[in-house]
N, C-alpha and C. Protein backbone atom coordinates (compact mmCIF):
# COMPACT_ATOMS: atom_id res chain seq x y z
N MET A 1 10.02 -41.89 46.48
CA MET A 1 10.57 -42.38 45.25
C MET A 1 9.50 -42.45 44.16
N ASP A 2 8.30 -42.79 44.54
CA ASP A 2 7.21 -42.89 43.58
C ASP A 2 6.83 -41.50 43.04
N PHE A 3 6.92 -40.49 43.90
CA PHE A 3 6.63 -39.11 43.48
C PHE A 3 7.61 -38.63 42.42
N ILE A 4 8.88 -38.92 42.57
CA ILE A 4 9.91 -38.52 41.61
C ILE A 4 9.67 -39.22 40.27
N HIS A 5 9.28 -40.47 40.32
CA HIS A 5 9.00 -41.23 39.11
C HIS A 5 7.85 -40.58 38.33
N HIS A 6 6.77 -40.19 39.03
CA HIS A 6 5.63 -39.53 38.38
C HIS A 6 6.01 -38.14 37.87
N LEU A 7 6.85 -37.44 38.58
CA LEU A 7 7.30 -36.11 38.17
C LEU A 7 8.13 -36.20 36.89
N ILE A 8 9.00 -37.18 36.80
CA ILE A 8 9.82 -37.36 35.59
C ILE A 8 8.92 -37.69 34.39
N HIS A 9 7.93 -38.57 34.59
CA HIS A 9 7.00 -38.89 33.50
C HIS A 9 6.20 -37.66 33.08
N PHE A 10 5.76 -36.86 34.04
CA PHE A 10 5.02 -35.65 33.74
C PHE A 10 5.87 -34.68 32.90
N LEU A 11 7.11 -34.48 33.27
CA LEU A 11 8.00 -33.61 32.53
C LEU A 11 8.26 -34.14 31.11
N MET A 12 8.46 -35.43 30.98
CA MET A 12 8.71 -36.01 29.66
C MET A 12 7.49 -35.87 28.76
N TYR A 13 6.31 -36.16 29.28
CA TYR A 13 5.10 -36.05 28.48
C TYR A 13 4.82 -34.60 28.08
N SER A 14 5.06 -33.66 29.00
CA SER A 14 4.82 -32.26 28.67
C SER A 14 5.81 -31.78 27.61
N LEU A 15 7.08 -32.23 27.67
CA LEU A 15 8.06 -31.85 26.65
C LEU A 15 7.67 -32.41 25.28
N VAL A 16 7.22 -33.64 25.23
CA VAL A 16 6.79 -34.24 23.96
C VAL A 16 5.57 -33.50 23.42
N LEU A 17 4.64 -33.15 24.30
CA LEU A 17 3.45 -32.42 23.87
C LEU A 17 3.83 -31.06 23.29
N TRP A 18 4.73 -30.33 23.95
CA TRP A 18 5.16 -29.02 23.44
C TRP A 18 5.92 -29.15 22.12
N GLN A 19 6.67 -30.22 21.96
CA GLN A 19 7.35 -30.43 20.68
C GLN A 19 6.35 -30.67 19.55
N LEU A 20 5.31 -31.42 19.83
CA LEU A 20 4.27 -31.64 18.82
C LEU A 20 3.56 -30.34 18.46
N ILE A 21 3.23 -29.53 19.46
CA ILE A 21 2.55 -28.26 19.21
C ILE A 21 3.45 -27.34 18.39
N LEU A 22 4.72 -27.26 18.74
CA LEU A 22 5.66 -26.42 18.00
C LEU A 22 5.83 -26.92 16.56
N GLY A 23 5.88 -28.24 16.36
CA GLY A 23 6.00 -28.80 15.01
C GLY A 23 4.80 -28.47 14.15
N VAL A 24 3.59 -28.60 14.70
CA VAL A 24 2.38 -28.27 13.95
C VAL A 24 2.36 -26.77 13.62
N TYR A 25 2.79 -25.94 14.54
CA TYR A 25 2.83 -24.49 14.32
C TYR A 25 3.79 -24.14 13.18
N VAL A 26 4.97 -24.74 13.17
CA VAL A 26 5.96 -24.47 12.12
C VAL A 26 5.44 -24.95 10.77
N ILE A 27 4.80 -26.11 10.74
CA ILE A 27 4.25 -26.63 9.48
C ILE A 27 3.13 -25.72 8.96
N LEU A 28 2.28 -25.21 9.85
CA LEU A 28 1.21 -24.31 9.42
C LEU A 28 1.76 -23.00 8.87
N ILE A 29 2.79 -22.46 9.48
CA ILE A 29 3.41 -21.23 8.97
C ILE A 29 4.04 -21.50 7.61
N TRP A 30 4.71 -22.61 7.44
CA TRP A 30 5.32 -22.95 6.16
C TRP A 30 4.25 -23.09 5.07
N ALA A 31 3.13 -23.75 5.41
CA ALA A 31 2.05 -23.95 4.45
C ALA A 31 1.41 -22.62 4.07
N LYS A 32 1.27 -21.72 5.03
CA LYS A 32 0.67 -20.42 4.75
C LYS A 32 1.52 -19.62 3.77
N ARG A 33 2.83 -19.72 3.88
CA ARG A 33 3.72 -18.95 3.01
C ARG A 33 3.92 -19.61 1.66
N ASN A 34 3.89 -20.92 1.56
CA ASN A 34 4.27 -21.62 0.34
C ASN A 34 3.12 -22.21 -0.46
N ILE A 35 1.94 -22.32 0.11
CA ILE A 35 0.81 -22.91 -0.59
C ILE A 35 -0.25 -21.83 -0.76
N LYS A 36 -0.70 -21.65 -2.00
CA LYS A 36 -1.74 -20.66 -2.27
C LYS A 36 -3.09 -21.35 -2.24
N PHE A 37 -3.96 -20.88 -1.38
CA PHE A 37 -5.30 -21.42 -1.27
C PHE A 37 -6.25 -20.56 -2.09
N GLU A 38 -7.16 -21.20 -2.83
CA GLU A 38 -8.11 -20.48 -3.66
C GLU A 38 -9.42 -20.31 -2.89
N LYS A 39 -10.04 -19.17 -3.13
CA LYS A 39 -11.35 -18.94 -2.52
C LYS A 39 -12.39 -19.69 -3.33
N THR A 40 -13.24 -20.43 -2.65
CA THR A 40 -14.24 -21.22 -3.36
C THR A 40 -15.56 -20.49 -3.50
N SER A 41 -15.83 -19.53 -2.64
CA SER A 41 -17.12 -18.84 -2.73
C SER A 41 -16.87 -17.39 -3.13
N PRO A 42 -17.76 -16.82 -3.96
CA PRO A 42 -17.58 -15.43 -4.37
C PRO A 42 -17.93 -14.48 -3.23
N VAL A 43 -17.29 -13.33 -3.23
CA VAL A 43 -17.57 -12.31 -2.23
C VAL A 43 -18.67 -11.42 -2.76
N ILE A 44 -19.73 -11.28 -1.99
CA ILE A 44 -20.85 -10.45 -2.40
C ILE A 44 -20.92 -9.27 -1.44
N ASN A 45 -20.77 -8.07 -1.99
CA ASN A 45 -20.87 -6.86 -1.18
C ASN A 45 -22.31 -6.37 -1.20
N VAL A 46 -22.89 -6.25 -0.03
CA VAL A 46 -24.26 -5.79 0.07
C VAL A 46 -24.21 -4.32 0.47
N SER A 47 -24.74 -3.46 -0.39
CA SER A 47 -24.72 -2.04 -0.09
C SER A 47 -25.96 -1.67 0.71
N GLU A 48 -25.92 -0.47 1.26
CA GLU A 48 -27.04 -0.01 2.07
C GLU A 48 -28.16 0.54 1.22
N ASN A 49 -27.86 0.84 -0.05
CA ASN A 49 -28.91 1.33 -0.95
C ASN A 49 -29.84 0.18 -1.29
N LYS A 50 -31.09 0.39 -1.04
CA LYS A 50 -32.05 -0.66 -1.35
C LYS A 50 -32.75 -0.32 -2.65
N THR A 51 -32.18 -0.79 -3.72
CA THR A 51 -32.79 -0.59 -5.03
C THR A 51 -33.29 -1.93 -5.52
N GLU A 52 -34.32 -1.89 -6.28
CA GLU A 52 -34.91 -3.13 -6.75
C GLU A 52 -34.34 -3.47 -8.13
N TYR A 53 -33.66 -4.58 -8.20
CA TYR A 53 -33.11 -5.08 -9.45
C TYR A 53 -33.88 -6.34 -9.83
N PRO A 54 -33.98 -6.60 -11.11
CA PRO A 54 -34.57 -7.88 -11.50
C PRO A 54 -33.65 -9.03 -11.08
N ILE A 55 -34.22 -10.18 -10.90
CA ILE A 55 -33.46 -11.35 -10.43
C ILE A 55 -32.38 -11.74 -11.41
N GLU A 56 -32.53 -11.41 -12.69
CA GLU A 56 -31.51 -11.75 -13.68
C GLU A 56 -30.20 -11.01 -13.41
N VAL A 57 -30.31 -9.78 -12.93
CA VAL A 57 -29.11 -9.00 -12.62
C VAL A 57 -28.33 -9.67 -11.51
N PHE A 58 -29.01 -10.14 -10.48
CA PHE A 58 -28.33 -10.82 -9.39
C PHE A 58 -27.70 -12.14 -9.85
N LYS A 59 -28.39 -12.84 -10.75
CA LYS A 59 -27.81 -14.07 -11.29
C LYS A 59 -26.55 -13.77 -12.07
N ASP A 60 -26.58 -12.68 -12.87
CA ASP A 60 -25.39 -12.30 -13.64
C ASP A 60 -24.24 -11.92 -12.72
N ILE A 61 -24.54 -11.23 -11.64
CA ILE A 61 -23.49 -10.84 -10.69
C ILE A 61 -22.86 -12.08 -10.07
N LEU A 62 -23.68 -13.04 -9.66
CA LEU A 62 -23.16 -14.25 -9.03
C LEU A 62 -22.36 -15.09 -10.01
N GLU A 63 -22.73 -15.07 -11.29
CA GLU A 63 -22.00 -15.85 -12.29
C GLU A 63 -20.73 -15.15 -12.75
N GLY A 64 -20.54 -13.91 -12.33
CA GLY A 64 -19.32 -13.19 -12.68
C GLY A 64 -19.41 -12.43 -13.98
N LYS A 65 -20.60 -12.29 -14.52
CA LYS A 65 -20.77 -11.54 -15.76
C LYS A 65 -20.71 -10.05 -15.46
N LYS A 66 -20.30 -9.28 -16.47
CA LYS A 66 -20.21 -7.84 -16.30
C LYS A 66 -21.60 -7.23 -16.35
N VAL A 67 -21.94 -6.48 -15.34
CA VAL A 67 -23.25 -5.85 -15.26
C VAL A 67 -23.04 -4.34 -15.27
N GLY A 68 -23.73 -3.63 -16.12
CA GLY A 68 -23.61 -2.18 -16.16
C GLY A 68 -23.30 -1.73 -17.56
N PRO A 69 -22.95 -0.45 -17.68
CA PRO A 69 -22.65 0.08 -19.02
C PRO A 69 -21.40 -0.58 -19.59
N SER A 70 -21.44 -0.84 -20.89
CA SER A 70 -20.33 -1.55 -21.51
C SER A 70 -19.27 -0.61 -22.05
N GLY A 71 -19.56 0.66 -22.21
CA GLY A 71 -18.60 1.61 -22.78
C GLY A 71 -18.17 2.64 -21.75
N PRO A 72 -17.38 3.60 -22.21
CA PRO A 72 -16.95 4.65 -21.27
C PRO A 72 -18.10 5.57 -20.91
N ILE A 73 -18.03 6.13 -19.74
CA ILE A 73 -19.06 7.04 -19.26
C ILE A 73 -18.52 8.45 -19.38
N GLU A 74 -19.27 9.32 -20.04
CA GLU A 74 -18.83 10.70 -20.19
C GLU A 74 -19.33 11.52 -19.01
N VAL A 75 -18.42 12.33 -18.48
CA VAL A 75 -18.75 13.15 -17.33
C VAL A 75 -18.39 14.59 -17.68
N ASP A 76 -19.29 15.53 -17.43
CA ASP A 76 -19.03 16.93 -17.70
C ASP A 76 -18.31 17.53 -16.50
N VAL A 77 -17.13 18.08 -16.76
CA VAL A 77 -16.34 18.68 -15.69
C VAL A 77 -16.19 20.16 -15.99
N LYS A 78 -16.58 20.97 -15.04
CA LYS A 78 -16.44 22.42 -15.21
C LYS A 78 -15.20 22.88 -14.45
N ARG A 79 -14.29 23.48 -15.20
CA ARG A 79 -13.07 23.97 -14.58
C ARG A 79 -12.95 25.46 -14.85
N GLU A 80 -12.54 26.16 -13.85
CA GLU A 80 -12.31 27.59 -14.00
C GLU A 80 -10.86 27.88 -13.68
N PHE A 81 -10.21 28.55 -14.64
CA PHE A 81 -8.81 28.92 -14.46
C PHE A 81 -8.73 30.43 -14.34
N LYS A 82 -7.99 30.89 -13.37
CA LYS A 82 -7.78 32.31 -13.21
C LYS A 82 -6.30 32.56 -13.45
N VAL A 83 -6.01 33.32 -14.50
CA VAL A 83 -4.63 33.57 -14.88
C VAL A 83 -4.30 35.02 -14.57
N ASP A 84 -3.25 35.21 -13.79
CA ASP A 84 -2.79 36.54 -13.47
C ASP A 84 -1.79 36.96 -14.54
N THR A 85 -2.13 38.01 -15.30
CA THR A 85 -1.26 38.41 -16.42
C THR A 85 -0.21 39.43 -16.02
N LYS A 86 -0.28 39.97 -14.81
CA LYS A 86 0.72 40.95 -14.40
C LYS A 86 1.99 40.22 -13.94
N PRO A 87 3.13 40.60 -14.53
CA PRO A 87 4.37 39.97 -14.06
C PRO A 87 4.80 40.57 -12.73
N ASP A 88 5.36 39.74 -11.90
CA ASP A 88 5.87 40.21 -10.62
C ASP A 88 7.18 40.95 -10.84
N GLU A 89 7.40 41.93 -10.01
CA GLU A 89 8.67 42.66 -10.09
C GLU A 89 9.74 41.81 -9.44
N SER A 90 10.87 41.78 -10.07
CA SER A 90 11.96 41.02 -9.49
C SER A 90 13.23 41.84 -9.59
N SER A 91 14.05 41.70 -8.62
CA SER A 91 15.32 42.43 -8.61
C SER A 91 16.44 41.43 -8.83
N VAL A 92 16.67 41.14 -10.09
CA VAL A 92 17.72 40.21 -10.44
C VAL A 92 18.84 41.00 -11.09
N LYS A 93 19.99 40.90 -10.53
CA LYS A 93 21.14 41.58 -11.09
C LYS A 93 21.92 40.58 -11.93
N VAL A 94 22.21 40.94 -13.14
CA VAL A 94 22.97 40.08 -14.02
C VAL A 94 24.44 40.48 -13.91
N ASP A 95 25.22 39.53 -13.46
CA ASP A 95 26.66 39.79 -13.34
C ASP A 95 27.34 39.34 -14.61
N GLU A 96 28.40 40.01 -14.92
CA GLU A 96 29.17 39.58 -16.07
C GLU A 96 30.02 38.39 -15.68
N LYS A 97 30.44 37.63 -16.64
CA LYS A 97 31.25 36.45 -16.36
C LYS A 97 32.59 36.88 -15.79
N ILE A 98 32.96 36.21 -14.75
CA ILE A 98 34.23 36.54 -14.10
C ILE A 98 35.29 35.63 -14.66
N LYS A 99 36.33 36.24 -15.19
CA LYS A 99 37.43 35.46 -15.74
C LYS A 99 38.61 35.57 -14.79
N GLY A 100 39.36 34.53 -14.72
CA GLY A 100 40.55 34.56 -13.87
C GLY A 100 40.65 33.29 -13.06
N LYS A 101 41.55 33.32 -12.10
CA LYS A 101 41.77 32.16 -11.24
C LYS A 101 40.67 32.05 -10.20
N VAL A 102 40.60 30.88 -9.61
CA VAL A 102 39.56 30.61 -8.60
C VAL A 102 39.77 31.51 -7.40
N LYS A 103 40.99 31.78 -7.03
CA LYS A 103 41.27 32.59 -5.86
C LYS A 103 40.76 34.01 -6.05
N THR A 104 41.00 34.57 -7.23
CA THR A 104 40.53 35.93 -7.49
C THR A 104 39.02 35.98 -7.60
N GLN A 105 38.42 34.90 -8.13
CA GLN A 105 36.96 34.86 -8.22
C GLN A 105 36.36 34.83 -6.82
N LYS A 106 36.95 34.07 -5.90
CA LYS A 106 36.45 34.01 -4.53
C LYS A 106 36.54 35.37 -3.87
N ASP A 107 37.66 36.09 -4.12
CA ASP A 107 37.80 37.42 -3.55
C ASP A 107 36.74 38.37 -4.09
N LYS A 108 36.45 38.30 -5.40
CA LYS A 108 35.45 39.16 -5.98
C LYS A 108 34.06 38.85 -5.43
N LEU A 109 33.78 37.54 -5.21
CA LEU A 109 32.48 37.16 -4.64
C LEU A 109 32.34 37.64 -3.21
N LYS A 110 33.43 37.57 -2.46
CA LYS A 110 33.38 38.07 -1.08
C LYS A 110 33.10 39.57 -1.05
N LYS A 111 33.70 40.32 -2.00
CA LYS A 111 33.45 41.77 -2.09
C LYS A 111 32.00 42.05 -2.47
N LEU A 112 31.45 41.23 -3.37
CA LEU A 112 30.06 41.43 -3.77
C LEU A 112 29.09 41.16 -2.64
N ARG A 113 29.40 40.18 -1.82
CA ARG A 113 28.51 39.81 -0.71
C ARG A 113 28.49 40.89 0.35
N GLY A 114 29.55 41.60 0.50
CA GLY A 114 29.53 42.70 1.45
C GLY A 114 30.52 42.51 2.48
């Protein structure tokens, strides 16, 4: 009888524990979808190129100031176009407009097709 009593308590406590875990999980999913969290630290991308910049440039980057050329950059692009001036031969037959009923037009088209 004592074993059954402990088994019932174990089952009840485990059910309550799983309900708490499920409740926290649902609340976290709701918060993730409905609350926007802001990033507090800036993302710094470190490239593999090791160039020496003055410390002021790094300070400007961390403060969010624009570093680099302020205007548009002109780039020379060389393009070569090859235009074929010879027209291709085409065998297009121009048919005259067919007048009449739809049935006779279908018959004429069947004759033209072969």
